[in-house]
PDB file of N, CA and C in Angstrom:
ATOM      1  N   UNK A   1      10.307 -38.506  25.384  1.00  0.00           N
ATOM      2  CA  UNK A   1       9.363 -37.420  25.191  1.00  0.00           C
ATOM      3  C   UNK A   1      10.140 -36.100  25.089  1.00  0.00           C
ATOM      4  N   UNK A   2       9.850 -35.332  24.064  1.00  0.00           N
ATOM      5  CA  UNK A   2      10.523 -34.057  23.842  1.00  0.00           C
ATOM      6  C   UNK A   2       9.745 -32.953  24.538  1.00  0.00           C
ATOM      7  N   UNK A   3      10.463 -32.164  25.308  1.00  0.00           N
ATOM      8  CA  UNK A   3       9.827 -31.061  26.029  1.00  0.00           C
ATOM      9  C   UNK A   3       9.796 -29.818  25.137  1.00  0.00           C
ATOM     10  N   UNK A   4       8.645 -29.189  25.065  1.00  0.00           N
ATOM     11  CA  UNK A   4       8.501 -27.968  24.258  1.00  0.00           C
ATOM     12  C   UNK A   4       9.262 -26.831  24.927  1.00  0.00           C
ATOM     13  N   UNK A   5       9.871 -25.958  24.131  1.00  0.00           N
ATOM     14  CA  UNK A   5      10.587 -24.823  24.727  1.00  0.00           C
ATOM     15  C   UNK A   5       9.628 -23.868  25.426  1.00  0.00           C
ATOM     16  N   UNK A   6      10.156 -23.173  26.420  1.00  0.00           N
ATOM     17  CA  UNK A   6       9.338 -22.183  27.144  1.00  0.00           C
ATOM     18  C   UNK A   6       8.944 -21.060  26.193  1.00  0.00           C
ATOM     19  N   UNK A   7       7.740 -20.526  26.349  1.00  0.00           N
ATOM     20  CA  UNK A   7       7.303 -19.440  25.456  1.00  0.00           C
ATOM     21  C   UNK A   7       8.105 -18.168  25.698  1.00  0.00           C
ATOM     22  N   UNK A   8       8.258 -17.371  24.648  1.00  0.00           N
ATOM     23  CA  UNK A   8       8.941 -16.088  24.757  1.00  0.00           C
ATOM     24  C   UNK A   8       8.063 -15.123  25.528  1.00  0.00           C
ATOM     25  N   UNK A   9       8.669 -14.218  26.246  1.00  0.00           N
ATOM     26  CA  UNK A   9       7.919 -13.236  27.010  1.00  0.00           C
ATOM     27  C   UNK A   9       7.631 -13.708  28.423  1.00  0.00           C
ATOM     28  N   UNK A  10       8.267 -14.814  28.830  1.00  0.00           N
ATOM     29  CA  UNK A  10       8.103 -15.312  30.190  1.00  0.00           C
ATOM     30  C   UNK A  10       9.339 -14.930  30.995  1.00  0.00           C
ATOM     31  N   UNK A  11       9.329 -15.258  32.281  1.00  0.00           N
ATOM     32  CA  UNK A  11      10.457 -14.903  33.145  1.00  0.00           C
ATOM     33  C   UNK A  11      11.756 -15.552  32.677  1.00  0.00           C
ATOM     34  N   UNK A  12      11.682 -16.773  32.124  1.00  0.00           N
ATOM     35  CA  UNK A  12      12.892 -17.449  31.658  1.00  0.00           C
ATOM     36  C   UNK A  12      13.357 -16.929  30.304  1.00  0.00           C
ATOM     37  N   UNK A  13      12.444 -16.421  29.513  1.00  0.00           N
ATOM     38  CA  UNK A  13      12.774 -15.924  28.172  1.00  0.00           C
ATOM     39  C   UNK A  13      12.132 -14.564  27.947  1.00  0.00           C
ATOM     40  N   UNK A  14      12.657 -13.521  28.616  1.00  0.00           N
ATOM     41  CA  UNK A  14      12.047 -12.196  28.417  1.00  0.00           C
ATOM     42  C   UNK A  14      12.291 -11.685  27.001  1.00  0.00           C
ATOM     43  N   UNK A  15      11.381 -10.852  26.548  1.00  0.00           N
ATOM     44  CA  UNK A  15      11.524 -10.208  25.250  1.00  0.00           C
ATOM     45  C   UNK A  15      12.301  -8.919  25.474  1.00  0.00           C
ATOM     46  N   UNK A  16      13.394  -8.734  24.754  1.00  0.00           N
ATOM     47  CA  UNK A  16      14.188  -7.510  24.894  1.00  0.00           C
ATOM     48  C   UNK A  16      13.515  -6.381  24.132  1.00  0.00           C
ATOM     49  N   UNK A  17      13.389  -5.266  24.786  1.00  0.00           N
ATOM     50  CA  UNK A  17      12.812  -4.088  24.155  1.00  0.00           C
ATOM     51  C   UNK A  17      13.883  -3.445  23.293  1.00  0.00           C
ATOM     52  N   UNK A  18      13.521  -3.027  22.077  1.00  0.00           N
ATOM     53  CA  UNK A  18      14.493  -2.454  21.146  1.00  0.00           C
ATOM     54  C   UNK A  18      14.226  -0.977  20.932  1.00  0.00           C
ATOM     55  N   UNK A  19      15.308  -0.259  20.627  1.00  0.00           N
ATOM     56  CA  UNK A  19      15.159   1.135  20.223  1.00  0.00           C
ATOM     57  C   UNK A  19      14.409   1.121  18.892  1.00  0.00           C
ATOM     58  N   UNK A  20      13.557   2.085  18.640  1.00  0.00           N
ATOM     59  CA  UNK A  20      12.784   2.080  17.400  1.00  0.00           C
ATOM     60  C   UNK A  20      13.666   2.030  16.154  1.00  0.00           C
ATOM     61  N   UNK A  21      13.278   1.198  15.225  1.00  0.00           N
ATOM     62  CA  UNK A  21      13.934   1.102  13.923  1.00  0.00           C
ATOM     63  C   UNK A  21      12.846   1.165  12.872  1.00  0.00           C
ATOM     64  N   UNK A  22      13.227   0.987  11.628  1.00  0.00           N
ATOM     65  CA  UNK A  22      12.228   0.978  10.562  1.00  0.00           C
ATOM     66  C   UNK A  22      11.201  -0.123  10.801  1.00  0.00           C
ATOM     67  N   UNK A  23      11.612  -1.182  11.508  1.00  0.00           N
ATOM     68  CA  UNK A  23      10.698  -2.283  11.800  1.00  0.00           C
ATOM     69  C   UNK A  23      10.034  -2.141  13.160  1.00  0.00           C
ATOM     70  N   UNK A  24      10.335  -1.087  13.872  1.00  0.00           N
ATOM     71  CA  UNK A  24       9.833  -0.925  15.233  1.00  0.00           C
ATOM     72  C   UNK A  24       9.337   0.512  15.401  1.00  0.00           C
ATOM     73  N   UNK A  25       8.191   0.792  14.841  1.00  0.00           N
ATOM     74  CA  UNK A  25       7.635   2.140  14.852  1.00  0.00           C
ATOM     75  C   UNK A  25       7.056   2.487  16.218  1.00  0.00           C
ATOM     76  N   UNK A  26       7.013   3.764  16.528  1.00  0.00           N
ATOM     77  CA  UNK A  26       6.519   4.238  17.819  1.00  0.00           C
ATOM     78  C   UNK A  26       5.072   4.711  17.661  1.00  0.00           C
ATOM     79  N   UNK A  27       4.145   4.135  18.429  1.00  0.00           N
ATOM     80  CA  UNK A  27       2.759   4.614  18.360  1.00  0.00           C
ATOM     81  C   UNK A  27       2.635   5.968  19.066  1.00  0.00           C
ATOM     82  N   UNK A  28       2.034   6.924  18.386  1.00  0.00           N
ATOM     83  CA  UNK A  28       1.856   8.273  18.926  1.00  0.00           C
ATOM     84  C   UNK A  28       0.366   8.595  18.956  1.00  0.00           C
ATOM     85  N   UNK A  29      -0.077   9.163  20.061  1.00  0.00           N
ATOM     86  CA  UNK A  29      -1.466   9.637  20.178  1.00  0.00           C
ATOM     87  C   UNK A  29      -1.436  11.102  20.576  1.00  0.00           C
ATOM     88  N   UNK A  30      -2.197  11.891  19.853  1.00  0.00           N
ATOM     89  CA  UNK A  30      -2.333  13.306  20.188  1.00  0.00           C
ATOM     90  C   UNK A  30      -3.762  13.560  20.636  1.00  0.00           C
ATOM     91  N   UNK A  31      -3.913  14.246  21.734  1.00  0.00           N
ATOM     92  CA  UNK A  31      -5.227  14.656  22.234  1.00  0.00           C
ATOM     93  C   UNK A  31      -5.021  16.034  22.864  1.00  0.00           C
ATOM     94  N   UNK A  32      -5.167  17.050  22.034  1.00  0.00           N
ATOM     95  CA  UNK A  32      -4.823  18.415  22.438  1.00  0.00           C
ATOM     96  C   UNK A  32      -6.045  19.312  22.312  1.00  0.00           C
ATOM     97  N   UNK A  33      -6.249  20.152  23.320  1.00  0.00           N
ATOM     98  CA  UNK A  33      -7.342  21.127  23.278  1.00  0.00           C
ATOM     99  C   UNK A  33      -6.786  22.487  23.687  1.00  0.00           C
ATOM    100  N   UNK A  34      -7.017  23.465  22.827  1.00  0.00           N
ATOM    101  CA  UNK A  34      -6.599  24.838  23.102  1.00  0.00           C
ATOM    102  C   UNK A  34      -7.747  25.763  22.728  1.00  0.00           C
ATOM    103  N   UNK A  35      -8.164  26.580  23.675  1.00  0.00           N
ATOM    104  CA  UNK A  35      -9.237  27.560  23.443  1.00  0.00           C
ATOM    105  C   UNK A  35     -10.476  26.938  22.796  1.00  0.00           C
ATOM    106  N   UNK A  36     -10.861  25.773  23.281  1.00  0.00           N
ATOM    107  CA  UNK A  36     -12.074  25.123  22.788  1.00  0.00           C
ATOM    108  C   UNK A  36     -11.901  24.335  21.500  1.00  0.00           C
ATOM    109  N   UNK A  37     -10.746  24.416  20.857  1.00  0.00           N
ATOM    110  CA  UNK A  37     -10.475  23.633  19.649  1.00  0.00           C
ATOM    111  C   UNK A  37      -9.734  22.360  20.040  1.00  0.00           C
ATOM    112  N   UNK A  38     -10.170  21.226  19.477  1.00  0.00           N
ATOM    113  CA  UNK A  38      -9.552  19.943  19.796  1.00  0.00           C
ATOM    114  C   UNK A  38      -8.863  19.369  18.569  1.00  0.00           C
ATOM    115  N   UNK A  39      -7.744  18.727  18.826  1.00  0.00           N
ATOM    116  CA  UNK A  39      -7.051  17.978  17.777  1.00  0.00           C
ATOM    117  C   UNK A  39      -6.704  16.614  18.351  1.00  0.00           C
ATOM    118  N   UNK A  40      -7.249  15.580  17.724  1.00  0.00           N
ATOM    119  CA  UNK A  40      -6.959  14.206  18.135  1.00  0.00           C
ATOM    120  C   UNK A  40      -6.432  13.458  16.926  1.00  0.00           C
ATOM    121  N   UNK A  41      -5.400  12.672  17.159  1.00  0.00           N
ATOM    122  CA  UNK A  41      -4.810  11.907  16.068  1.00  0.00           C
ATOM    123  C   UNK A  41      -4.034  10.736  16.659  1.00  0.00           C
ATOM    124  N   UNK A  42      -3.854   9.707  15.868  1.00  0.00           N
ATOM    125  CA  UNK A  42      -3.037   8.559  16.250  1.00  0.00           C
ATOM    126  C   UNK A  42      -2.303   8.092  15.000  1.00  0.00           C
ATOM    127  N   UNK A  43      -1.017   7.826  15.153  1.00  0.00           N
ATOM    128  CA  UNK A  43      -0.214   7.410  14.009  1.00  0.00           C
ATOM    129  C   UNK A  43       1.051   6.728  14.513  1.00  0.00           C
ATOM    130  N   UNK A  44       1.801   6.152  13.589  1.00  0.00           N
ATOM    131  CA  UNK A  44       3.073   5.523  13.913  1.00  0.00           C
ATOM    132  C   UNK A  44       4.202   6.438  13.471  1.00  0.00           C
ATOM    133  N   UNK A  45       5.161   6.642  14.346  1.00  0.00           N
ATOM    134  CA  UNK A  45       6.283   7.536  14.072  1.00  0.00           C
ATOM    135  C   UNK A  45       7.538   6.701  13.839  1.00  0.00           C
ATOM    136  N   UNK A  46       8.259   7.021  12.786  1.00  0.00           N
ATOM    137  CA  UNK A  46       9.507   6.326  12.490  1.00  0.00           C
ATOM    138  C   UNK A  46      10.682   7.230  12.865  1.00  0.00           C
ATOM    139  N   UNK A  47      11.243   7.054  14.049  1.00  0.00           N
ATOM    140  CA  UNK A  47      12.339   7.921  14.470  1.00  0.00           C
ATOM    141  C   UNK A  47      13.633   7.673  13.696  1.00  0.00           C
ATOM    142  N   UNK A  48      13.696   6.590  12.945  1.00  0.00           N
ATOM    143  CA  UNK A  48      14.886   6.293  12.148  1.00  0.00           C
ATOM    144  C   UNK A  48      14.904   7.048  10.830  1.00  0.00           C
ATOM    145  N   UNK A  49      13.778   7.608  10.446  1.00  0.00           N
ATOM    146  CA  UNK A  49      13.674   8.336   9.183  1.00  0.00           C
ATOM    147  C   UNK A  49      14.329   9.703   9.341  1.00  0.00           C
ATOM    148  N   UNK A  50      15.364   9.989   8.546  1.00  0.00           N
ATOM    149  CA  UNK A  50      16.038  11.282   8.692  1.00  0.00           C
ATOM    150  C   UNK A  50      15.139  12.475   8.361  1.00  0.00           C
ATOM    151  N   UNK A  51      14.054  12.236   7.647  1.00  0.00           N
ATOM    152  CA  UNK A  51      13.137  13.323   7.303  1.00  0.00           C
ATOM    153  C   UNK A  51      12.047  13.535   8.346  1.00  0.00           C
ATOM    154  N   UNK A  52      12.041  12.742   9.411  1.00  0.00           N
ATOM    155  CA  UNK A  52      10.973  12.857  10.406  1.00  0.00           C
ATOM    156  C   UNK A  52      11.402  13.777  11.545  1.00  0.00           C
ATOM    157  N   UNK A  53      11.258  15.058  11.314  1.00  0.00           N
ATOM    158  CA  UNK A  53      11.561  16.055  12.337  1.00  0.00           C
ATOM    159  C   UNK A  53      10.251  16.480  12.988  1.00  0.00           C
ATOM    160  N   UNK A  54      10.221  16.421  14.300  1.00  0.00           N
ATOM    161  CA  UNK A  54       8.991  16.682  15.047  1.00  0.00           C
ATOM    162  C   UNK A  54       8.460  18.089  14.789  1.00  0.00           C
ATOM    163  N   UNK A  55       9.311  19.087  14.814  1.00  0.00           N
ATOM    164  CA  UNK A  55       8.857  20.474  14.640  1.00  0.00           C
ATOM    165  C   UNK A  55       8.289  20.685  13.237  1.00  0.00           C
ATOM    166  N   UNK A  56       8.966  20.152  12.234  1.00  0.00           N
ATOM    167  CA  UNK A  56       8.478  20.280  10.852  1.00  0.00           C
ATOM    168  C   UNK A  56       7.122  19.597  10.715  1.00  0.00           C
ATOM    169  N   UNK A  57       6.994  18.406  11.302  1.00  0.00           N
ATOM    170  CA  UNK A  57       5.728  17.685  11.255  1.00  0.00           C
ATOM    171  C   UNK A  57       4.618  18.496  11.921  1.00  0.00           C
ATOM    172  N   UNK A  58       4.901  19.052  13.089  1.00  0.00           N
ATOM    173  CA  UNK A  58       3.894  19.826  13.822  1.00  0.00           C
ATOM    174  C   UNK A  58       3.453  21.048  13.028  1.00  0.00           C
ATOM    175  N   UNK A  59       4.406  21.756  12.436  1.00  0.00           N
ATOM    176  CA  UNK A  59       4.062  22.947  11.642  1.00  0.00           C
ATOM    177  C   UNK A  59       3.220  22.584  10.425  1.00  0.00           C
ATOM    178  N   UNK A  60       3.571  21.490   9.761  1.00  0.00           N
ATOM    179  CA  UNK A  60       2.785  21.051   8.596  1.00  0.00           C
ATOM    180  C   UNK A  60       1.371  20.648   9.000  1.00  0.00           C
ATOM    181  N   UNK A  61       1.274  19.945  10.109  1.00  0.00           N
ATOM    182  CA  UNK A  61      -0.038  19.510  10.591  1.00  0.00           C
ATOM    183  C   UNK A  61      -0.920  20.712  10.894  1.00  0.00           C
ATOM    184  N   UNK A  62      -0.370  21.678  11.609  1.00  0.00           N
ATOM    185  CA  UNK A  62      -1.126  22.887  11.963  1.00  0.00           C
ATOM    186  C   UNK A  62      -1.548  23.644  10.707  1.00  0.00           C
ATOM    187  N   UNK A  63      -0.646  23.761   9.764  1.00  0.00           N
ATOM    188  CA  UNK A  63      -0.963  24.467   8.516  1.00  0.00           C
ATOM    189  C   UNK A  63      -2.031  23.715   7.715  1.00  0.00           C
ATOM    190  N   UNK A  64      -1.843  22.402   7.544  1.00  0.00           N
ATOM    191  CA  UNK A  64      -2.785  21.600   6.755  1.00  0.00           C
ATOM    192  C   UNK A  64      -4.187  21.586   7.350  1.00  0.00           C
ATOM    193  N   UNK A  65      -4.265  21.550   8.672  1.00  0.00           N
ATOM    194  CA  UNK A  65      -5.568  21.477   9.338  1.00  0.00           C
ATOM    195  C   UNK A  65      -6.109  22.848   9.729  1.00  0.00           C
ATOM    196  N   UNK A  66      -5.352  23.897   9.384  1.00  0.00           N
ATOM    197  CA  UNK A  66      -5.756  25.276   9.685  1.00  0.00           C
ATOM    198  C   UNK A  66      -6.039  25.468  11.176  1.00  0.00           C
ATOM    199  N   UNK A  67      -5.120  24.956  11.989  1.00  0.00           N
ATOM    200  CA  UNK A  67      -5.218  25.115  13.439  1.00  0.00           C
ATOM    201  C   UNK A  67      -4.452  26.367  13.851  1.00  0.00           C
ATOM    202  N   UNK A  68      -4.781  26.943  15.002  1.00  0.00           N
ATOM    203  CA  UNK A  68      -4.024  28.097  15.497  1.00  0.00           C
ATOM    204  C   UNK A  68      -2.557  27.716  15.753  1.00  0.00           C
ATOM    205  N   UNK A  69      -1.640  28.662  15.576  1.00  0.00           N
ATOM    206  CA  UNK A  69      -0.208  28.391  15.766  1.00  0.00           C
ATOM    207  C   UNK A  69       0.147  27.830  17.147  1.00  0.00           C
ATOM    208  N   UNK A  70      -0.663  28.093  18.149  1.00  0.00           N
ATOM    209  CA  UNK A  70      -0.384  27.587  19.499  1.00  0.00           C
ATOM    210  C   UNK A  70      -0.341  26.057  19.539  1.00  0.00           C
ATOM    211  N   UNK A  71      -0.957  25.410  18.568  1.00  0.00           N
ATOM    212  CA  UNK A  71      -0.961  23.946  18.537  1.00  0.00           C
ATOM    213  C   UNK A  71       0.419  23.376  18.220  1.00  0.00           C
ATOM    214  N   UNK A  72       1.259  24.139  17.528  1.00  0.00           N
ATOM    215  CA  UNK A  72       2.585  23.627  17.154  1.00  0.00           C
ATOM    216  C   UNK A  72       3.357  23.186  18.394  1.00  0.00           C
ATOM    217  N   UNK A  73       3.450  24.058  19.372  1.00  0.00           N
ATOM    218  CA  UNK A  73       4.206  23.754  20.591  1.00  0.00           C
ATOM    219  C   UNK A  73       3.638  22.539  21.305  1.00  0.00           C
ATOM    220  N   UNK A  74       2.321  22.469  21.406  1.00  0.00           N
ATOM    221  CA  UNK A  74       1.691  21.348  22.105  1.00  0.00           C
ATOM    222  C   UNK A  74       1.921  20.025  21.375  1.00  0.00           C
ATOM    223  N   UNK A  75       1.836  20.048  20.055  1.00  0.00           N
ATOM    224  CA  UNK A  75       2.071  18.832  19.268  1.00  0.00           C
ATOM    225  C   UNK A  75       3.519  18.382  19.433  1.00  0.00           C
ATOM    226  N   UNK A  76       4.451  19.323  19.337  1.00  0.00           N
ATOM    227  CA  UNK A  76       5.876  19.000  19.493  1.00  0.00           C
ATOM    228  C   UNK A  76       6.137  18.390  20.868  1.00  0.00           C
ATOM    229  N   UNK A  77       5.631  19.024  21.919  1.00  0.00           N
ATOM    230  CA  UNK A  77       5.866  18.528  23.275  1.00  0.00           C
ATOM    231  C   UNK A  77       5.272  17.138  23.477  1.00  0.00           C
ATOM    232  N   UNK A  78       4.088  16.917  22.941  1.00  0.00           N
ATOM    233  CA  UNK A  78       3.434  15.624  23.101  1.00  0.00           C
ATOM    234  C   UNK A  78       4.216  14.516  22.392  1.00  0.00           C
ATOM    235  N   UNK A  79       4.622  14.764  21.157  1.00  0.00           N
ATOM    236  CA  UNK A  79       5.372  13.749  20.407  1.00  0.00           C
ATOM    237  C   UNK A  79       6.715  13.480  21.076  1.00  0.00           C
ATOM    238  N   UNK A  80       7.431  14.533  21.447  1.00  0.00           N
ATOM    239  CA  UNK A  80       8.742  14.348  22.076  1.00  0.00           C
ATOM    240  C   UNK A  80       8.631  13.587  23.395  1.00  0.00           C
ATOM    241  N   UNK A  81       7.607  13.874  24.170  1.00  0.00           N
ATOM    242  CA  UNK A  81       7.410  13.168  25.440  1.00  0.00           C
ATOM    243  C   UNK A  81       7.147  11.683  25.198  1.00  0.00           C
ATOM    244  N   UNK A  82       6.314  11.382  24.207  1.00  0.00           N
ATOM    245  CA  UNK A  82       5.997   9.983  23.920  1.00  0.00           C
ATOM    246  C   UNK A  82       7.209   9.234  23.362  1.00  0.00           C
ATOM    247  N   UNK A  83       8.005   9.899  22.536  1.00  0.00           N
ATOM    248  CA  UNK A  83       9.233   9.276  22.034  1.00  0.00           C
ATOM    249  C   UNK A  83      10.209   9.029  23.181  1.00  0.00           C
ATOM    250  N   UNK A  84      10.310   9.980  24.093  1.00  0.00           N
ATOM    251  CA  UNK A  84      11.182   9.814  25.257  1.00  0.00           C
ATOM    252  C   UNK A  84      10.737   8.665  26.145  1.00  0.00           C
ATOM    253  N   UNK A  85       9.431   8.575  26.372  1.00  0.00           N
ATOM    254  CA  UNK A  85       8.898   7.471  27.174  1.00  0.00           C
ATOM    255  C   UNK A  85       9.212   6.139  26.514  1.00  0.00           C
ATOM    256  N   UNK A  86       9.013   6.073  25.214  1.00  0.00           N
ATOM    257  CA  UNK A  86       9.247   4.838  24.475  1.00  0.00           C
ATOM    258  C   UNK A  86      10.719   4.433  24.563  1.00  0.00           C
ATOM    259  N   UNK A  87      11.611   5.383  24.394  1.00  0.00           N
ATOM    260  CA  UNK A  87      13.051   5.095  24.427  1.00  0.00           C
ATOM    261  C   UNK A  87      13.526   4.722  25.828  1.00  0.00           C
ATOM    262  N   UNK A  88      12.818   5.166  26.854  1.00  0.00           N
ATOM    263  CA  UNK A  88      13.254   4.877  28.223  1.00  0.00           C
ATOM    264  C   UNK A  88      13.194   3.384  28.542  1.00  0.00           C
ATOM    265  N   UNK A  89      12.489   2.615  27.723  1.00  0.00           N
ATOM    266  CA  UNK A  89      12.381   1.175  27.944  1.00  0.00           C
ATOM    267  C   UNK A  89      13.458   0.382  27.214  1.00  0.00           C
ATOM    268  N   UNK A  90      14.333   1.050  26.468  1.00  0.00           N
ATOM    269  CA  UNK A  90      15.344   0.356  25.679  1.00  0.00           C
ATOM    270  C   UNK A  90      16.186  -0.560  26.551  1.00  0.00           C
ATOM    271  N   UNK A  91      16.325  -1.805  26.121  1.00  0.00           N
ATOM    272  CA  UNK A  91      17.166  -2.770  26.811  1.00  0.00           C
ATOM    273  C   UNK A  91      16.532  -3.434  28.013  1.00  0.00           C
ATOM    274  N   UNK A  92      15.356  -2.992  28.421  1.00  0.00           N
ATOM    275  CA  UNK A  92      14.699  -3.602  29.573  1.00  0.00           C
ATOM    276  C   UNK A  92      13.999  -4.884  29.140  1.00  0.00           C
ATOM    277  N   UNK A  93      13.924  -5.815  30.076  1.00  0.00           N
ATOM    278  CA  UNK A  93      13.170  -7.031  29.817  1.00  0.00           C
ATOM    279  C   UNK A  93      11.691  -6.715  29.923  1.00  0.00           C
ATOM    280  N   UNK A  94      10.938  -7.220  28.978  1.00  0.00           N
ATOM    281  CA  UNK A  94       9.495  -7.004  28.988  1.00  0.00           C
ATOM    282  C   UNK A  94       8.815  -8.363  29.010  1.00  0.00           C
ATOM    283  N   UNK A  95       7.835  -8.497  29.855  1.00  0.00           N
ATOM    284  CA  UNK A  95       7.113  -9.746  29.979  1.00  0.00           C
ATOM    285  C   UNK A  95       5.712  -9.549  29.440  1.00  0.00           C
ATOM    286  N   UNK A  96       5.353 -10.353  28.486  1.00  0.00           N
ATOM    287  CA  UNK A  96       4.075 -10.182  27.811  1.00  0.00           C
ATOM    288  C   UNK A  96       2.920 -10.757  28.613  1.00  0.00           C
ATOM    289  N   UNK A  97       3.181 -11.738  29.457  1.00  0.00           N
ATOM    290  CA  UNK A  97       2.094 -12.356  30.198  1.00  0.00           C
ATOM    291  C   UNK A  97       1.335 -13.358  29.348  1.00  0.00           C
ATOM    292  N   UNK A  98       1.660 -13.404  28.081  1.00  0.00           N
ATOM    293  CA  UNK A  98       1.048 -14.356  27.165  1.00  0.00           C
ATOM    294  C   UNK A  98       2.168 -15.004  26.369  1.00  0.00           C
ATOM    295  N   UNK A  99       1.836 -16.083  25.745  1.00  0.00           N
ATOM    296  CA  UNK A  99       2.815 -16.759  24.913  1.00  0.00           C
ATOM    297  C   UNK A  99       3.062 -15.930  23.657  1.00  0.00           C
ATOM    298  N   UNK A 100       4.320 -15.669  23.369  1.00  0.00           N
ATOM    299  CA  UNK A 100       4.696 -14.959  22.150  1.00  0.00           C
ATOM    300  C   UNK A 100       5.418 -15.954  21.259  1.00  0.00           C
ATOM    301  N   UNK A 101       4.908 -16.142  20.076  1.00  0.00           N
ATOM    302  CA  UNK A 101       5.490 -17.095  19.146  1.00  0.00           C
ATOM    303  C   UNK A 101       6.217 -16.328  18.055  1.00  0.00           C
ATOM    304  N   UNK A 102       7.529 -16.539  17.928  1.00  0.00           N
ATOM    305  CA  UNK A 102       8.252 -15.850  16.850  1.00  0.00           C
ATOM    306  C   UNK A 102       7.725 -16.272  15.486  1.00  0.00           C
ATOM    307  N   UNK A 103       7.558 -15.323  14.600  1.00  0.00           N
ATOM    308  CA  UNK A 103       7.104 -15.612  13.241  1.00  0.00           C
ATOM    309  C   UNK A 103       8.333 -15.918  12.407  1.00  0.00           C
ATOM    310  N   UNK A 104       8.289 -17.032  11.722  1.00  0.00           N
ATOM    311  CA  UNK A 104       9.446 -17.439  10.907  1.00  0.00           C
ATOM    312  C   UNK A 104       9.156 -17.266   9.442  1.00  0.00           C
TER     313      UNK A 104
END
């Protein structure tokens, strides 16, 4: 009788967390309120893209949506904090609690 291999994401086979790459985008959520104006957004950020500068993105967003300039700083801080949080897990073992099947 052949024994099936242990599922990935378990204690014996943890899934290694990777630094974001083109294949590993960072989920970003913005929920900012300034002087009664709200800006909410969710998107995937590609930190590997040389054109993805947080400050430039924030300024374009504020300009395109005609938001007050005060939103630039808040958007930048929020994105940078989320990218930092995401990167802090690099190399750590992550356990999914469920069976993870590699796609071939």
